[in-house]
């Protein structure tokens, strides 16, 4: 379900943000090499929980027919850090030996969604589906100042879901959108202003969510590396329980999505 690749060559750090995702040359099991964006386990505050969020959000998005870069589990050799000239970054690599999260790097023809860009009529429905998806997975990290969105023609590709499933980090009782809680972040969403007041439909997306059965959720669980799982209530277990509840409460969930855009 998820392919594994091996880190071959460090190319560069993609941005100066806290997580410092790296562009790397990686090799898959067939010996094919290609560029990949790799998030290192020791480079993010949430550690393996954040990597789990990335992987499971990618799988769910694909099953909902939303476009995401192809996800991978990326193996970093124990001595890989020795080739990194930046000593601080080398320590991050040293602490990330073993499996990390990667996604295929998209470059030719793809551009980052610009700030204050209106939504072209040809992609309004796709934007609406992405908005609903971010509510569904409690992802507060797709904003005007940080779109985490690539466009190529009428294709929209979403990425960076480390902060999704934010109920994992809740202080006190977790909040769920079908209970009309945990939705405050939506007013800062990249597409909130452009979608508000429009006539929109999520029948396709709702049907796709309802079609994710227990067998499929088990496949999600099996895709998460064992070294990322800790205890009976690890991130994987809690996220899959959440997706199961979202599916079972789909009518209420999409009703809340409609209400927030009235």
Protein backbone atom coordinates (compact mmCIF):
# COMPACT_ATOMS: atom_id res chain seq x y z
CA UNK A 1 0.00 0.00 0.00
CA UNK A 2 2.91 2.32 0.81
CA UNK A 3 6.18 1.99 -1.06
CA UNK A 4 9.51 2.11 0.75
CA UNK A 5 12.49 4.04 -0.56
CA UNK A 6 16.08 4.49 0.61
CA UNK A 7 17.68 7.91 1.05
CA UNK A 8 20.63 8.19 -1.35
CA UNK A 9 21.70 11.85 -1.56
CA UNK A 10 20.82 14.99 0.39
CA UNK A 11 20.15 17.86 -2.02
CA UNK A 12 18.92 20.84 0.02
CA UNK A 13 16.62 22.10 2.74
CA UNK A 14 13.43 23.33 1.09
CA UNK A 15 12.59 26.12 3.53
CA UNK A 16 13.71 27.69 6.76
CA UNK A 17 10.62 26.59 8.70
CA UNK A 18 10.78 24.69 11.93
CA UNK A 19 10.47 21.25 10.35
CA UNK A 20 13.03 21.93 7.58
CA UNK A 21 11.79 19.37 5.03
CA UNK A 22 14.62 18.15 2.81
CA UNK A 23 14.77 17.56 -0.91
CA UNK A 24 16.57 14.28 -1.39
CA UNK A 25 17.41 11.79 -4.07
CA UNK A 26 15.88 8.46 -3.06
CA UNK A 27 15.80 4.98 -4.56
CA UNK A 28 12.83 2.63 -4.59
CA UNK A 29 12.88 -1.15 -4.45
CA UNK A 30 13.27 -1.42 -8.23
CA UNK A 31 16.41 0.71 -8.17
CA UNK A 32 14.72 3.78 -9.69
CA UNK A 33 15.98 7.07 -8.29
CA UNK A 34 13.86 10.22 -8.04
CA UNK A 35 13.60 13.39 -6.01
CA UNK A 36 11.52 13.29 -2.85
CA UNK A 37 10.56 15.66 -0.05
CA UNK A 38 11.50 13.99 3.22
CA UNK A 39 10.31 14.93 6.69
CA UNK A 40 12.69 13.67 9.32
CA UNK A 41 11.42 12.15 12.53
CA UNK A 42 13.82 14.14 14.71
CA UNK A 43 13.08 17.36 12.84
CA UNK A 44 9.48 17.83 13.97
CA UNK A 45 8.16 18.44 17.48
CA UNK A 46 5.43 15.83 17.10
CA UNK A 47 7.91 13.11 16.08
CA UNK A 48 6.40 9.87 14.84
CA UNK A 49 2.86 11.15 15.55
CA UNK A 50 3.40 13.89 12.98
CA UNK A 51 4.74 11.41 10.44
CA UNK A 52 1.70 9.21 11.07
CA UNK A 53 -0.59 12.18 10.44
CA UNK A 54 1.19 12.81 7.14
CA UNK A 55 0.88 9.21 5.99
CA UNK A 56 -2.73 8.58 7.03
CA UNK A 57 -3.92 11.94 5.68
CA UNK A 58 -2.31 11.07 2.33
CA UNK A 59 -4.03 7.68 2.22
CA UNK A 60 -7.39 9.17 3.14
CA UNK A 61 -7.06 11.99 0.59
CA UNK A 62 -6.31 9.48 -2.16
CA UNK A 63 -9.35 7.39 -1.27
CA UNK A 64 -11.44 10.58 -1.43
CA UNK A 65 -10.06 11.31 -4.93
CA UNK A 66 -8.08 14.34 -3.82
CA UNK A 67 -4.65 14.81 -5.30
CA UNK A 68 -1.59 14.37 -3.06
CA UNK A 69 2.04 13.66 -3.90
CA UNK A 70 2.70 9.92 -3.77
CA UNK A 71 3.66 9.04 -0.18
CA UNK A 72 6.62 6.87 0.81
CA UNK A 73 8.30 5.50 3.86
CA UNK A 74 11.93 6.59 3.55
CA UNK A 75 14.74 4.66 5.19
CA UNK A 76 17.74 6.70 6.36
CA UNK A 77 20.93 4.70 6.95
CA UNK A 78 22.66 5.04 10.36
CA UNK A 79 25.73 6.68 8.82
CA UNK A 80 23.85 8.99 6.42
CA UNK A 81 24.43 12.02 8.68
CA UNK A 82 28.16 11.85 8.01
CA UNK A 83 27.61 13.28 4.50
CA UNK A 84 25.65 16.34 5.75
CA UNK A 85 27.88 19.46 5.96
CA UNK A 86 25.53 21.44 8.23
CA UNK A 87 26.29 20.14 11.72
CA UNK A 88 22.88 21.05 13.13
CA UNK A 89 21.08 19.31 10.28
CA UNK A 90 23.48 16.37 10.55
CA UNK A 91 22.30 15.85 14.13
CA UNK A 92 18.70 15.77 12.90
CA UNK A 93 19.67 13.06 10.40
CA UNK A 94 21.54 11.19 13.13
CA UNK A 95 18.38 11.17 15.24
CA UNK A 96 16.23 10.09 12.28
CA UNK A 97 17.96 6.88 11.24
CA UNK A 98 15.39 4.34 10.24
CA UNK A 99 12.03 5.15 8.67
CA UNK A 100 10.73 8.65 7.95
CA UNK A 101 7.98 10.13 5.81
CA UNK A 102 8.55 11.16 2.21
CA UNK A 103 6.50 12.31 -0.75
CA UNK A 104 7.37 12.51 -4.42
CA UNK A 105 8.65 15.96 -5.38
CA UNK A 106 6.48 17.78 -7.92
CA UNK A 107 8.19 20.50 -9.90
CA UNK A 108 7.57 20.90 -13.64
CA UNK A 109 4.45 22.98 -14.23
CA UNK A 110 3.37 23.13 -10.58
CA UNK A 111 3.13 26.48 -8.83
CA UNK A 112 2.29 27.42 -5.25
CA UNK A 113 -1.16 28.95 -4.80
CA UNK A 114 -0.57 32.73 -4.51
CA UNK A 115 -1.90 34.82 -1.63
CA UNK A 116 -5.22 36.60 -2.24
CA UNK A 117 -5.90 34.49 -5.35
CA UNK A 118 -9.59 34.22 -6.19
CA UNK A 119 -10.95 30.77 -7.01
CA UNK A 120 -11.47 30.22 -10.75
CA UNK A 121 -14.93 28.86 -11.56
CA UNK A 122 -13.40 25.72 -13.10
CA UNK A 123 -11.98 24.57 -9.76
CA UNK A 124 -14.58 25.82 -7.26
CA UNK A 125 -15.80 22.29 -6.54
CA UNK A 126 -12.27 21.02 -6.05
CA UNK A 127 -11.56 23.89 -3.66
CA UNK A 128 -14.78 23.06 -1.79
CA UNK A 129 -13.71 19.43 -1.46
CA UNK A 130 -10.32 20.49 -0.08
CA UNK A 131 -12.03 22.82 2.41
CA UNK A 132 -14.28 19.96 3.56
CA UNK A 133 -11.33 17.58 3.76
CA UNK A 134 -9.41 19.96 6.02
CA UNK A 135 -12.39 20.21 8.35
CA UNK A 136 -12.79 16.45 8.22
CA UNK A 137 -9.17 15.84 9.31
CA UNK A 138 -9.00 18.90 11.60
CA UNK A 139 -6.15 20.47 9.63
CA UNK A 140 -5.55 24.14 10.59
CA UNK A 141 -2.47 24.45 8.40
CA UNK A 142 -3.80 25.51 4.99
CA UNK A 143 -4.01 29.29 5.22
CA UNK A 144 -3.50 32.28 2.92
CA UNK A 145 -0.01 32.80 4.30
CA UNK A 146 0.75 29.07 4.10
CA UNK A 147 -1.38 27.46 1.38
CA UNK A 148 0.34 24.05 1.26
CA UNK A 149 -1.25 23.75 -2.16
CA UNK A 150 0.15 23.36 -5.67
CA UNK A 151 -1.70 24.12 -8.88
CA UNK A 152 -1.15 22.92 -12.41
CA UNK A 153 -3.94 23.94 -14.76
CA UNK A 154 -7.14 22.75 -13.12
CA UNK A 155 -5.33 20.29 -10.86
CA UNK A 156 -4.88 21.13 -7.19
CA UNK A 157 -2.41 19.09 -5.14
CA UNK A 158 -2.48 19.27 -1.35
CA UNK A 159 0.42 18.47 0.95
CA UNK A 160 1.87 18.98 4.43
CA UNK A 161 -0.54 17.33 6.86
CA UNK A 162 1.74 17.01 9.86
CA UNK A 163 -0.62 19.18 11.94
CA UNK A 164 -3.79 17.36 10.87
CA UNK A 165 -5.90 15.39 13.36
CA UNK A 166 -5.26 18.17 15.84
CA UNK A 167 -7.47 16.43 18.43
CA UNK A 168 -4.31 14.40 19.18
CA UNK A 169 -2.84 17.44 20.88
CA UNK A 170 -5.97 18.76 22.59
CA UNK A 171 -5.72 19.81 26.22
CA UNK A 172 -8.81 18.47 27.91
CA UNK A 173 -11.66 16.83 26.04
CA UNK A 174 -11.14 16.30 22.32
CA UNK A 175 -13.41 18.24 19.96
CA UNK A 176 -15.11 16.82 16.88
CA UNK A 177 -16.73 18.79 14.02
CA UNK A 178 -19.89 16.64 13.90
CA UNK A 179 -20.48 17.83 17.49
CA UNK A 180 -20.12 21.43 16.28
CA UNK A 181 -16.78 21.82 18.06
CA UNK A 182 -13.19 22.21 16.93
CA UNK A 183 -14.05 24.30 13.86
CA UNK A 184 -12.73 27.74 14.80
CA UNK A 185 -9.70 27.46 12.53
CA UNK A 186 -11.86 27.38 9.39
CA UNK A 187 -12.20 31.17 9.13
CA UNK A 188 -8.46 31.29 8.45
CA UNK A 189 -8.65 28.62 5.77
CA UNK A 190 -7.22 29.46 2.36
CA UNK A 191 -10.60 28.99 0.64
CA UNK A 192 -13.03 30.23 3.32
CA UNK A 193 -13.65 33.68 1.83
CA UNK A 194 -13.92 32.42 -1.74
CA UNK A 195 -16.43 29.69 -0.86
CA UNK A 196 -18.60 31.49 1.67
CA UNK A 197 -22.14 32.04 0.42
CA UNK A 198 -21.78 29.81 -2.66
CA UNK A 199 -24.08 26.97 -3.63
CA UNK A 200 -21.91 23.89 -3.18
CA UNK A 201 -22.36 20.14 -3.15
CA UNK A 202 -20.38 17.45 -1.34
CA UNK A 203 -22.41 14.40 -2.33
CA UNK A 204 -19.45 12.80 -4.10
CA UNK A 205 -17.06 13.44 -1.22
CA UNK A 206 -19.53 12.23 1.39
CA UNK A 207 -20.14 9.05 -0.59
CA UNK A 208 -16.39 8.44 -0.88
CA UNK A 209 -15.98 8.82 2.89
CA UNK A 210 -18.86 6.44 3.60
CA UNK A 211 -17.28 3.87 1.23
CA UNK A 212 -14.17 3.54 3.41
CA UNK A 213 -14.96 0.31 5.22
CA UNK A 214 -13.31 -1.42 8.17
CA UNK A 215 -11.17 -3.54 5.85
CA UNK A 216 -9.74 -0.40 4.30
CA UNK A 217 -9.04 1.12 7.72
CA UNK A 218 -7.16 -2.05 8.63
CA UNK A 219 -5.01 -1.54 5.53
CA UNK A 220 -4.28 2.01 6.72
CA UNK A 221 -3.12 0.60 10.05
CA UNK A 222 -0.88 -1.95 8.38
CA UNK A 223 0.74 0.79 6.28
CA UNK A 224 2.09 2.60 9.37
CA UNK A 225 5.62 1.41 10.31
CA UNK A 226 5.73 -0.46 13.60
CA UNK A 227 8.44 1.85 14.94
CA UNK A 228 5.98 4.78 14.72
CA UNK A 229 3.46 3.05 16.96
CA UNK A 230 3.62 3.35 20.73
CA UNK A 231 1.18 1.82 23.21
CA UNK A 232 -2.48 0.91 22.93
CA UNK A 233 -3.63 4.46 22.24
CA UNK A 234 -0.95 5.59 19.82
CA UNK A 235 -1.59 8.14 17.08
CA UNK A 236 -2.45 5.46 14.53
CA UNK A 237 -5.16 3.90 16.70
CA UNK A 238 -6.66 7.26 17.64
CA UNK A 239 -6.68 8.57 14.07
CA UNK A 240 -8.33 5.44 12.70
CA UNK A 241 -10.96 5.60 15.45
CA UNK A 242 -11.56 9.22 14.46
CA UNK A 243 -11.94 8.40 10.74
CA UNK A 244 -14.34 5.61 11.68
CA UNK A 245 -16.44 8.09 13.68
CA UNK A 246 -16.29 10.67 10.86
CA UNK A 247 -17.64 8.04 8.47
CA UNK A 248 -20.40 7.06 10.88
CA UNK A 249 -21.32 10.73 11.48
CA UNK A 250 -20.94 11.76 7.83
CA UNK A 251 -24.38 13.36 7.52
CA UNK A 252 -23.80 15.58 10.55
CA UNK A 253 -20.24 16.29 9.43
CA UNK A 254 -21.25 17.62 6.02
CA UNK A 255 -24.18 19.50 7.51
CA UNK A 256 -21.68 21.40 9.69
CA UNK A 257 -19.50 22.08 6.64
CA UNK A 258 -22.49 23.63 4.86
CA UNK A 259 -23.46 25.69 7.90
CA UNK A 260 -20.02 27.22 8.35
CA UNK A 261 -20.13 28.60 4.77
CA UNK A 262 -23.62 30.13 4.91
